[in-house]
PDB file of all heavy atoms in Angstrom:
ATOM      1  N   GLY A   1     -39.352 -84.210  17.169  1.00  0.00           N
ATOM      2  CA  GLY A   1     -39.879 -82.869  17.324  1.00  0.00           C
ATOM      3  C   GLY A   1     -40.318 -82.295  15.929  1.00  0.00           C
ATOM      4  O   GLY A   1     -41.272 -81.557  15.841  1.00  0.00           O
ATOM      5  N   LEU A   2     -39.565 -82.643  14.867  1.00  0.00           N
ATOM      6  CA  LEU A   2     -39.944 -82.187  13.562  1.00  0.00           C
ATOM      7  C   LEU A   2     -41.289 -82.746  13.093  1.00  0.00           C
ATOM      8  O   LEU A   2     -42.135 -82.090  12.510  1.00  0.00           O
ATOM      9  CB  LEU A   2     -38.807 -82.548  12.591  1.00  0.00           C
ATOM     10  CG  LEU A   2     -38.869 -81.987  11.211  1.00  0.00           C
ATOM     11  CD1 LEU A   2     -38.730 -80.436  11.267  1.00  0.00           C
ATOM     12  CD2 LEU A   2     -37.761 -82.567  10.279  1.00  0.00           C
ATOM     13  N   MET A   3     -41.462 -83.995  13.363  1.00  0.00           N
ATOM     14  CA  MET A   3     -42.720 -84.731  13.051  1.00  0.00           C
ATOM     15  C   MET A   3     -43.866 -84.054  13.853  1.00  0.00           C
ATOM     16  O   MET A   3     -44.990 -83.851  13.250  1.00  0.00           O
ATOM     17  CB  MET A   3     -42.577 -86.236  13.361  1.00  0.00           C
ATOM     18  CG  MET A   3     -41.584 -86.878  12.429  1.00  0.00           C
ATOM     19  SD  MET A   3     -41.165 -88.576  12.940  1.00  0.00           S
ATOM     20  CE  MET A   3     -42.782 -89.427  12.610  1.00  0.00           C
ATOM     21  N   ASP A   4     -43.809 -83.802  15.089  1.00  0.00           N
ATOM     22  CA  ASP A   4     -44.709 -83.122  15.869  1.00  0.00           C
ATOM     23  C   ASP A   4     -45.062 -81.801  15.312  1.00  0.00           C
ATOM     24  O   ASP A   4     -46.211 -81.328  15.306  1.00  0.00           O
ATOM     25  CB  ASP A   4     -44.343 -83.007  17.347  1.00  0.00           C
ATOM     26  CG  ASP A   4     -44.290 -84.446  18.053  1.00  0.00           C
ATOM     27  OD1 ASP A   4     -44.898 -85.372  17.489  1.00  0.00           O
ATOM     28  OD2 ASP A   4     -43.579 -84.520  19.037  1.00  0.00           O
ATOM     29  N   GLN A   5     -44.000 -81.042  14.911  1.00  0.00           N
ATOM     30  CA  GLN A   5     -44.100 -79.666  14.346  1.00  0.00           C
ATOM     31  C   GLN A   5     -44.968 -79.762  13.079  1.00  0.00           C
ATOM     32  O   GLN A   5     -45.800 -78.922  12.816  1.00  0.00           O
ATOM     33  CB  GLN A   5     -42.847 -79.073  14.105  1.00  0.00           C
ATOM     34  CG  GLN A   5     -42.884 -77.690  13.482  1.00  0.00           C
ATOM     35  CD  GLN A   5     -41.509 -77.096  13.211  1.00  0.00           C
ATOM     36  OE1 GLN A   5     -40.451 -77.683  13.667  1.00  0.00           O
ATOM     37  NE2 GLN A   5     -41.370 -76.136  12.424  1.00  0.00           N
ATOM     38  N   ALA A   6     -44.661 -80.779  12.265  1.00  0.00           N
ATOM     39  CA  ALA A   6     -45.408 -80.953  10.974  1.00  0.00           C
ATOM     40  C   ALA A   6     -46.897 -81.227  11.237  1.00  0.00           C
ATOM     41  O   ALA A   6     -47.792 -80.668  10.589  1.00  0.00           O
ATOM     42  CB  ALA A   6     -44.745 -82.042  10.169  1.00  0.00           C
ATOM     43  N   ASP A   7     -47.147 -82.117  12.187  1.00  0.00           N
ATOM     44  CA  ASP A   7     -48.589 -82.420  12.470  1.00  0.00           C
ATOM     45  C   ASP A   7     -49.267 -81.225  13.028  1.00  0.00           C
ATOM     46  O   ASP A   7     -50.402 -81.012  12.687  1.00  0.00           O
ATOM     47  CB  ASP A   7     -48.596 -83.546  13.570  1.00  0.00           C
ATOM     48  CG  ASP A   7     -48.106 -84.850  12.990  1.00  0.00           C
ATOM     49  OD1 ASP A   7     -48.132 -85.059  11.745  1.00  0.00           O
ATOM     50  OD2 ASP A   7     -47.728 -85.760  13.828  1.00  0.00           O
ATOM     51  N   ALA A   8     -48.612 -80.427  13.867  1.00  0.00           N
ATOM     52  CA  ALA A   8     -49.234 -79.223  14.451  1.00  0.00           C
ATOM     53  C   ALA A   8     -49.486 -78.186  13.329  1.00  0.00           C
ATOM     54  O   ALA A   8     -50.509 -77.535  13.279  1.00  0.00           O
ATOM     55  CB  ALA A   8     -48.378 -78.644  15.557  1.00  0.00           C
ATOM     56  N   ALA A   9     -48.556 -77.994  12.383  1.00  0.00           N
ATOM     57  CA  ALA A   9     -48.699 -77.052  11.329  1.00  0.00           C
ATOM     58  C   ALA A   9     -49.867 -77.469  10.382  1.00  0.00           C
ATOM     59  O   ALA A   9     -50.626 -76.617   9.965  1.00  0.00           O
ATOM     60  CB  ALA A   9     -47.463 -76.923  10.550  1.00  0.00           C
ATOM     61  N   ALA A  10     -49.946 -78.777  10.066  1.00  0.00           N
ATOM     62  CA  ALA A  10     -51.012 -79.234   9.138  1.00  0.00           C
ATOM     63  C   ALA A  10     -52.377 -79.117   9.797  1.00  0.00           C
ATOM     64  O   ALA A  10     -53.426 -78.980   9.104  1.00  0.00           O
ATOM     65  CB  ALA A  10     -50.790 -80.675   8.811  1.00  0.00           C
ATOM     66  N   ALA A  11     -52.458 -79.078  11.112  1.00  0.00           N
ATOM     67  CA  ALA A  11     -53.771 -78.939  11.844  1.00  0.00           C
ATOM     68  C   ALA A  11     -54.238 -77.556  11.891  1.00  0.00           C
ATOM     69  O   ALA A  11     -55.379 -77.344  12.238  1.00  0.00           O
ATOM     70  CB  ALA A  11     -53.613 -79.640  13.230  1.00  0.00           C
ATOM     71  N   LEU A  12     -53.456 -76.568  11.650  1.00  0.00           N
ATOM     72  CA  LEU A  12     -53.821 -75.141  11.750  1.00  0.00           C
ATOM     73  C   LEU A  12     -54.849 -74.841  10.580  1.00  0.00           C
ATOM     74  O   LEU A  12     -54.821 -75.380   9.504  1.00  0.00           O
ATOM     75  CB  LEU A  12     -52.646 -74.224  11.681  1.00  0.00           C
ATOM     76  CG  LEU A  12     -51.620 -74.251  12.854  1.00  0.00           C
ATOM     77  CD1 LEU A  12     -50.452 -73.422  12.520  1.00  0.00           C
ATOM     78  CD2 LEU A  12     -52.278 -73.858  14.119  1.00  0.00           C
ATOM     79  N   ALA A  13     -55.703 -73.873  10.938  1.00  0.00           N
ATOM     80  CA  ALA A  13     -56.676 -73.471   9.932  1.00  0.00           C
ATOM     81  C   ALA A  13     -56.000 -72.702   8.797  1.00  0.00           C
ATOM     82  O   ALA A  13     -54.956 -72.127   8.955  1.00  0.00           O
ATOM     83  CB  ALA A  13     -57.736 -72.523  10.526  1.00  0.00           C
ATOM     84  N   PRO A  14     -56.529 -72.805   7.560  1.00  0.00           N
ATOM     85  CA  PRO A  14     -55.928 -72.146   6.405  1.00  0.00           C
ATOM     86  C   PRO A  14     -55.941 -70.633   6.660  1.00  0.00           C
ATOM     87  O   PRO A  14     -56.886 -70.064   7.256  1.00  0.00           O
ATOM     88  CB  PRO A  14     -56.782 -72.506   5.223  1.00  0.00           C
ATOM     89  CG  PRO A  14     -57.444 -73.801   5.684  1.00  0.00           C
ATOM     90  CD  PRO A  14     -57.646 -73.734   7.107  1.00  0.00           C
ATOM     91  N   ALA A  15     -54.839 -69.942   6.193  1.00  0.00           N
ATOM     92  CA  ALA A  15     -54.806 -68.507   6.246  1.00  0.00           C
ATOM     93  C   ALA A  15     -54.225 -68.000   4.946  1.00  0.00           C
ATOM     94  O   ALA A  15     -53.763 -68.771   4.131  1.00  0.00           O
ATOM     95  CB  ALA A  15     -53.786 -68.068   7.389  1.00  0.00           C
ATOM     96  N   PRO A  16     -54.450 -66.715   4.610  1.00  0.00           N
ATOM     97  CA  PRO A  16     -53.971 -66.158   3.318  1.00  0.00           C
ATOM     98  C   PRO A  16     -52.434 -66.495   3.162  1.00  0.00           C
ATOM     99  O   PRO A  16     -51.660 -66.462   4.112  1.00  0.00           O
ATOM    100  CB  PRO A  16     -54.218 -64.716   3.439  1.00  0.00           C
ATOM    101  CG  PRO A  16     -55.368 -64.584   4.402  1.00  0.00           C
ATOM    102  CD  PRO A  16     -55.175 -65.673   5.417  1.00  0.00           C
ATOM    103  N   LEU A  17     -52.082 -66.874   1.933  1.00  0.00           N
ATOM    104  CA  LEU A  17     -50.760 -67.254   1.659  1.00  0.00           C
ATOM    105  C   LEU A  17     -49.647 -66.239   2.184  1.00  0.00           C
ATOM    106  O   LEU A  17     -48.630 -66.694   2.806  1.00  0.00           O
ATOM    107  CB  LEU A  17     -50.499 -67.559   0.175  1.00  0.00           C
ATOM    108  CG  LEU A  17     -49.080 -68.040  -0.237  1.00  0.00           C
ATOM    109  CD1 LEU A  17     -48.751 -69.278   0.530  1.00  0.00           C
ATOM    110  CD2 LEU A  17     -49.086 -68.195  -1.734  1.00  0.00           C
ATOM    111  N   PRO A  18     -49.813 -64.950   1.928  1.00  0.00           N
ATOM    112  CA  PRO A  18     -48.792 -64.034   2.406  1.00  0.00           C
ATOM    113  C   PRO A  18     -48.615 -64.107   3.950  1.00  0.00           C
ATOM    114  O   PRO A  18     -47.466 -63.957   4.506  1.00  0.00           O
ATOM    115  CB  PRO A  18     -49.269 -62.670   1.959  1.00  0.00           C
ATOM    116  CG  PRO A  18     -50.137 -62.963   0.802  1.00  0.00           C
ATOM    117  CD  PRO A  18     -50.796 -64.226   1.163  1.00  0.00           C
ATOM    118  N   ASP A  19     -49.750 -64.284   4.671  1.00  0.00           N
ATOM    119  CA  ASP A  19     -49.604 -64.471   6.095  1.00  0.00           C
ATOM    120  C   ASP A  19     -48.947 -65.779   6.501  1.00  0.00           C
ATOM    121  O   ASP A  19     -48.091 -65.755   7.458  1.00  0.00           O
ATOM    122  CB  ASP A  19     -51.036 -64.414   6.749  1.00  0.00           C
ATOM    123  CG  ASP A  19     -51.683 -63.068   6.562  1.00  0.00           C
ATOM    124  OD1 ASP A  19     -51.033 -62.089   6.247  1.00  0.00           O
ATOM    125  OD2 ASP A  19     -53.009 -63.058   6.713  1.00  0.00           O
ATOM    126  N   VAL A  20     -49.221 -66.794   5.822  1.00  0.00           N
ATOM    127  CA  VAL A  20     -48.588 -68.045   6.174  1.00  0.00           C
ATOM    128  C   VAL A  20     -47.124 -68.012   5.894  1.00  0.00           C
ATOM    129  O   VAL A  20     -46.266 -68.550   6.720  1.00  0.00           O
ATOM    130  CB  VAL A  20     -49.222 -69.247   5.297  1.00  0.00           C
ATOM    131  CG1 VAL A  20     -48.396 -70.514   5.412  1.00  0.00           C
ATOM    132  CG2 VAL A  20     -50.657 -69.470   5.751  1.00  0.00           C
ATOM    133  N   LEU A  21     -46.682 -67.279   4.824  1.00  0.00           N
ATOM    134  CA  LEU A  21     -45.279 -67.274   4.537  1.00  0.00           C
ATOM    135  C   LEU A  21     -44.444 -66.414   5.531  1.00  0.00           C
ATOM    136  O   LEU A  21     -43.217 -66.545   5.584  1.00  0.00           O
ATOM    137  CB  LEU A  21     -45.063 -66.632   3.197  1.00  0.00           C
ATOM    138  CG  LEU A  21     -45.495 -67.533   1.984  1.00  0.00           C
ATOM    139  CD1 LEU A  21     -45.470 -66.722   0.643  1.00  0.00           C
ATOM    140  CD2 LEU A  21     -44.610 -68.721   1.864  1.00  0.00           C
ATOM    141  N   THR A  22     -45.090 -65.678   6.410  1.00  0.00           N
ATOM    142  CA  THR A  22     -44.406 -64.912   7.450  1.00  0.00           C
ATOM    143  C   THR A  22     -44.164 -65.698   8.710  1.00  0.00           C
ATOM    144  O   THR A  22     -43.511 -65.286   9.627  1.00  0.00           O
ATOM    145  CB  THR A  22     -45.192 -63.630   7.753  1.00  0.00           C
ATOM    146  OG1 THR A  22     -46.481 -63.930   8.279  1.00  0.00           O
ATOM    147  CG2 THR A  22     -45.331 -62.717   6.581  1.00  0.00           C
ATOM    148  N   ALA A  23     -44.753 -66.912   8.701  1.00  0.00           N
ATOM    149  CA  ALA A  23     -44.587 -67.819   9.953  1.00  0.00           C
ATOM    150  C   ALA A  23     -43.136 -68.259   9.996  1.00  0.00           C
ATOM    151  O   ALA A  23     -42.416 -68.312   8.951  1.00  0.00           O
ATOM    152  CB  ALA A  23     -45.555 -68.977   9.822  1.00  0.00           C
ATOM    153  N   PRO A  24     -42.659 -68.613  11.208  1.00  0.00           N
ATOM    154  CA  PRO A  24     -41.289 -69.076  11.362  1.00  0.00           C
ATOM    155  C   PRO A  24     -40.934 -70.217  10.421  1.00  0.00           C
ATOM    156  O   PRO A  24     -39.786 -70.245   9.811  1.00  0.00           O
ATOM    157  CB  PRO A  24     -41.126 -69.483  12.766  1.00  0.00           C
ATOM    158  CG  PRO A  24     -42.238 -68.655  13.452  1.00  0.00           C
ATOM    159  CD  PRO A  24     -43.346 -68.503  12.476  1.00  0.00           C
ATOM    160  N   ASP A  25     -41.847 -71.153  10.199  1.00  0.00           N
ATOM    161  CA  ASP A  25     -41.620 -72.258   9.252  1.00  0.00           C
ATOM    162  C   ASP A  25     -42.991 -72.623   8.655  1.00  0.00           C
ATOM    163  O   ASP A  25     -43.795 -73.275   9.269  1.00  0.00           O
ATOM    164  CB  ASP A  25     -41.024 -73.481  10.011  1.00  0.00           C
ATOM    165  CG  ASP A  25     -40.622 -74.561   9.013  1.00  0.00           C
ATOM    166  OD1 ASP A  25     -40.823 -74.323   7.798  1.00  0.00           O
ATOM    167  OD2 ASP A  25     -40.052 -75.592   9.397  1.00  0.00           O
ATOM    168  N   PRO A  26     -43.232 -72.073   7.425  1.00  0.00           N
ATOM    169  CA  PRO A  26     -44.506 -72.286   6.796  1.00  0.00           C
ATOM    170  C   PRO A  26     -44.780 -73.777   6.274  1.00  0.00           C
ATOM    171  O   PRO A  26     -45.910 -74.019   5.828  1.00  0.00           O
ATOM    172  CB  PRO A  26     -44.560 -71.334   5.644  1.00  0.00           C
ATOM    173  CG  PRO A  26     -43.264 -70.513   5.762  1.00  0.00           C
ATOM    174  CD  PRO A  26     -42.325 -71.302   6.598  1.00  0.00           C
ATOM    175  N   GLU A  27     -43.747 -74.633   6.251  1.00  0.00           N
ATOM    176  CA  GLU A  27     -43.970 -75.875   5.593  1.00  0.00           C
ATOM    177  C   GLU A  27     -45.062 -76.694   6.355  1.00  0.00           C
ATOM    178  O   GLU A  27     -45.218 -76.645   7.568  1.00  0.00           O
ATOM    179  CB  GLU A  27     -42.642 -76.713   5.646  1.00  0.00           C
ATOM    180  CG  GLU A  27     -42.775 -77.993   4.824  1.00  0.00           C
ATOM    181  CD  GLU A  27     -41.439 -78.668   4.623  1.00  0.00           C
ATOM    182  OE1 GLU A  27     -40.479 -78.363   5.375  1.00  0.00           O
ATOM    183  OE2 GLU A  27     -41.349 -79.412   3.717  1.00  0.00           O
ATOM    184  N   PHE A  28     -45.901 -77.389   5.624  1.00  0.00           N
ATOM    185  CA  PHE A  28     -47.027 -78.212   5.976  1.00  0.00           C
ATOM    186  C   PHE A  28     -48.204 -77.307   6.404  1.00  0.00           C
ATOM    187  O   PHE A  28     -49.297 -77.818   6.771  1.00  0.00           O
ATOM    188  CB  PHE A  28     -46.666 -79.116   7.209  1.00  0.00           C
ATOM    189  CG  PHE A  28     -45.526 -80.050   6.929  1.00  0.00           C
ATOM    190  CD1 PHE A  28     -44.274 -79.784   7.392  1.00  0.00           C
ATOM    191  CD2 PHE A  28     -45.741 -81.111   6.086  1.00  0.00           C
ATOM    192  CE1 PHE A  28     -43.198 -80.662   7.058  1.00  0.00           C
ATOM    193  CE2 PHE A  28     -44.709 -82.013   5.743  1.00  0.00           C
ATOM    194  CZ  PHE A  28     -43.448 -81.748   6.237  1.00  0.00           C
ATOM    195  N   ARG A  29     -48.100 -75.992   6.351  1.00  0.00           N
ATOM    196  CA  ARG A  29     -49.241 -75.145   6.618  1.00  0.00           C
ATOM    197  C   ARG A  29     -50.244 -75.146   5.401  1.00  0.00           C
ATOM    198  O   ARG A  29     -49.783 -75.230   4.334  1.00  0.00           O
ATOM    199  CB  ARG A  29     -48.825 -73.738   6.879  1.00  0.00           C
ATOM    200  CG  ARG A  29     -48.195 -73.500   8.299  1.00  0.00           C
ATOM    201  CD  ARG A  29     -49.141 -73.444   9.342  1.00  0.00           C
ATOM    202  NE  ARG A  29     -50.258 -72.567   9.150  1.00  0.00           N
ATOM    203  CZ  ARG A  29     -50.290 -71.255   9.538  1.00  0.00           C
ATOM    204  NH1 ARG A  29     -49.172 -70.779  10.110  1.00  0.00           N
ATOM    205  NH2 ARG A  29     -51.282 -70.449   9.314  1.00  0.00           N
ATOM    206  N   LYS A  30     -51.493 -74.938   5.685  1.00  0.00           N
ATOM    207  CA  LYS A  30     -52.477 -74.788   4.639  1.00  0.00           C
ATOM    208  C   LYS A  30     -52.705 -73.296   4.400  1.00  0.00           C
ATOM    209  O   LYS A  30     -52.686 -72.486   5.389  1.00  0.00           O
ATOM    210  CB  LYS A  30     -53.776 -75.516   4.988  1.00  0.00           C
ATOM    211  CG  LYS A  30     -53.636 -76.993   5.003  1.00  0.00           C
ATOM    212  CD  LYS A  30     -54.978 -77.670   5.310  1.00  0.00           C
ATOM    213  CE  LYS A  30     -54.861 -79.201   5.130  1.00  0.00           C
ATOM    214  NZ  LYS A  30     -53.931 -79.765   6.035  1.00  0.00           N
ATOM    215  N   ALA A  31     -52.916 -72.942   3.161  1.00  0.00           N
ATOM    216  CA  ALA A  31     -53.009 -71.529   2.829  1.00  0.00           C
ATOM    217  C   ALA A  31     -54.133 -71.308   1.833  1.00  0.00           C
ATOM    218  O   ALA A  31     -54.523 -72.227   1.046  1.00  0.00           O
ATOM    219  CB  ALA A  31     -51.729 -70.948   2.259  1.00  0.00           C
ATOM    220  N   LEU A  32     -54.690 -70.087   1.869  1.00  0.00           N
ATOM    221  CA  LEU A  32     -55.740 -69.704   0.871  1.00  0.00           C
ATOM    222  C   LEU A  32     -55.034 -68.907  -0.285  1.00  0.00           C
ATOM    223  O   LEU A  32     -54.320 -67.942   0.009  1.00  0.00           O
ATOM    224  CB  LEU A  32     -56.729 -68.862   1.580  1.00  0.00           C
ATOM    225  CG  LEU A  32     -57.528 -69.517   2.763  1.00  0.00           C
ATOM    226  CD1 LEU A  32     -58.395 -68.487   3.427  1.00  0.00           C
ATOM    227  CD2 LEU A  32     -58.422 -70.606   2.237  1.00  0.00           C
ATOM    228  N   VAL A  33     -55.277 -69.283  -1.457  1.00  0.00           N
ATOM    229  CA  VAL A  33     -54.650 -68.559  -2.628  1.00  0.00           C
ATOM    230  C   VAL A  33     -55.756 -68.371  -3.698  1.00  0.00           C
ATOM    231  O   VAL A  33     -56.736 -69.117  -3.782  1.00  0.00           O
ATOM    232  CB  VAL A  33     -53.515 -69.314  -3.243  1.00  0.00           C
ATOM    233  CG1 VAL A  33     -52.413 -69.418  -2.214  1.00  0.00           C
ATOM    234  CG2 VAL A  33     -53.905 -70.666  -3.755  1.00  0.00           C
ATOM    235  N   VAL A  34     -55.531 -67.427  -4.536  1.00  0.00           N
ATOM    236  CA  VAL A  34     -56.406 -67.208  -5.763  1.00  0.00           C
ATOM    237  C   VAL A  34     -55.420 -67.288  -6.961  1.00  0.00           C
ATOM    238  O   VAL A  34     -54.512 -66.423  -7.066  1.00  0.00           O
ATOM    239  CB  VAL A  34     -57.094 -65.843  -5.706  1.00  0.00           C
ATOM    240  CG1 VAL A  34     -57.848 -65.617  -7.012  1.00  0.00           C
ATOM    241  CG2 VAL A  34     -58.062 -65.853  -4.527  1.00  0.00           C
ATOM    242  N   CYS A  35     -55.633 -68.290  -7.811  1.00  0.00           N
ATOM    243  CA  CYS A  35     -54.751 -68.433  -9.018  1.00  0.00           C
ATOM    244  C   CYS A  35     -55.698 -68.217 -10.205  1.00  0.00           C
ATOM    245  O   CYS A  35     -56.655 -69.019 -10.425  1.00  0.00           O
ATOM    246  CB  CYS A  35     -54.186 -69.782  -9.045  1.00  0.00           C
ATOM    247  SG  CYS A  35     -52.767 -69.970  -7.974  1.00  0.00           S
ATOM    248  N   ARG A  36     -55.422 -67.209 -10.981  1.00  0.00           N
ATOM    249  CA  ARG A  36     -56.218 -66.954 -12.173  1.00  0.00           C
ATOM    250  C   ARG A  36     -55.924 -67.934 -13.321  1.00  0.00           C
ATOM    251  O   ARG A  36     -54.699 -68.220 -13.621  1.00  0.00           O
ATOM    252  CB  ARG A  36     -55.934 -65.473 -12.686  1.00  0.00           C
ATOM    253  CG  ARG A  36     -56.578 -64.449 -11.720  1.00  0.00           C
ATOM    254  CD  ARG A  36     -56.543 -63.050 -12.333  1.00  0.00           C
ATOM    255  NE  ARG A  36     -57.192 -62.146 -11.446  1.00  0.00           N
ATOM    256  CZ  ARG A  36     -58.578 -61.878 -11.575  1.00  0.00           C
ATOM    257  NH1 ARG A  36     -59.248 -62.488 -12.524  1.00  0.00           N
ATOM    258  NH2 ARG A  36     -59.108 -60.972 -10.749  1.00  0.00           N
ATOM    259  N   GLY A  37     -56.954 -68.528 -13.844  1.00  0.00           N
ATOM    260  CA  GLY A  37     -56.823 -69.376 -15.015  1.00  0.00           C
ATOM    261  C   GLY A  37     -56.168 -70.757 -14.743  1.00  0.00           C
ATOM    262  O   GLY A  37     -55.775 -71.459 -15.688  1.00  0.00           O
ATOM    263  N   LEU A  38     -56.056 -71.147 -13.486  1.00  0.00           N
ATOM    264  CA  LEU A  38     -55.372 -72.389 -13.111  1.00  0.00           C
ATOM    265  C   LEU A  38     -56.032 -73.675 -13.754  1.00  0.00           C
ATOM    266  O   LEU A  38     -55.337 -74.524 -14.251  1.00  0.00           O
ATOM    267  CB  LEU A  38     -55.298 -72.541 -11.652  1.00  0.00           C
ATOM    268  CG  LEU A  38     -54.454 -73.791 -11.176  1.00  0.00           C
ATOM    269  CD1 LEU A  38     -53.037 -73.727 -11.598  1.00  0.00           C
ATOM    270  CD2 LEU A  38     -54.672 -73.975  -9.670  1.00  0.00           C
ATOM    271  N   PRO A  39     -57.413 -73.754 -13.779  1.00  0.00           N
ATOM    272  CA  PRO A  39     -57.926 -74.934 -14.363  1.00  0.00           C
ATOM    273  C   PRO A  39     -57.598 -75.276 -15.832  1.00  0.00           C
ATOM    274  O   PRO A  39     -57.646 -76.423 -16.194  1.00  0.00           O
ATOM    275  CB  PRO A  39     -59.446 -74.694 -14.201  1.00  0.00           C
ATOM    276  CG  PRO A  39     -59.562 -73.759 -13.045  1.00  0.00           C
ATOM    277  CD  PRO A  39     -58.403 -72.796 -13.197  1.00  0.00           C
TER     278      PRO A  39
END
């Protein structure tokens, strides 16, 4: 069940990071972020 949950989470479209973090279990989710000066 955990493996199926991970596959389903990874298949979801990216969403803003604050929204993803409010999900019941954000692990394996893709998120949109803006990091200043990261490169």
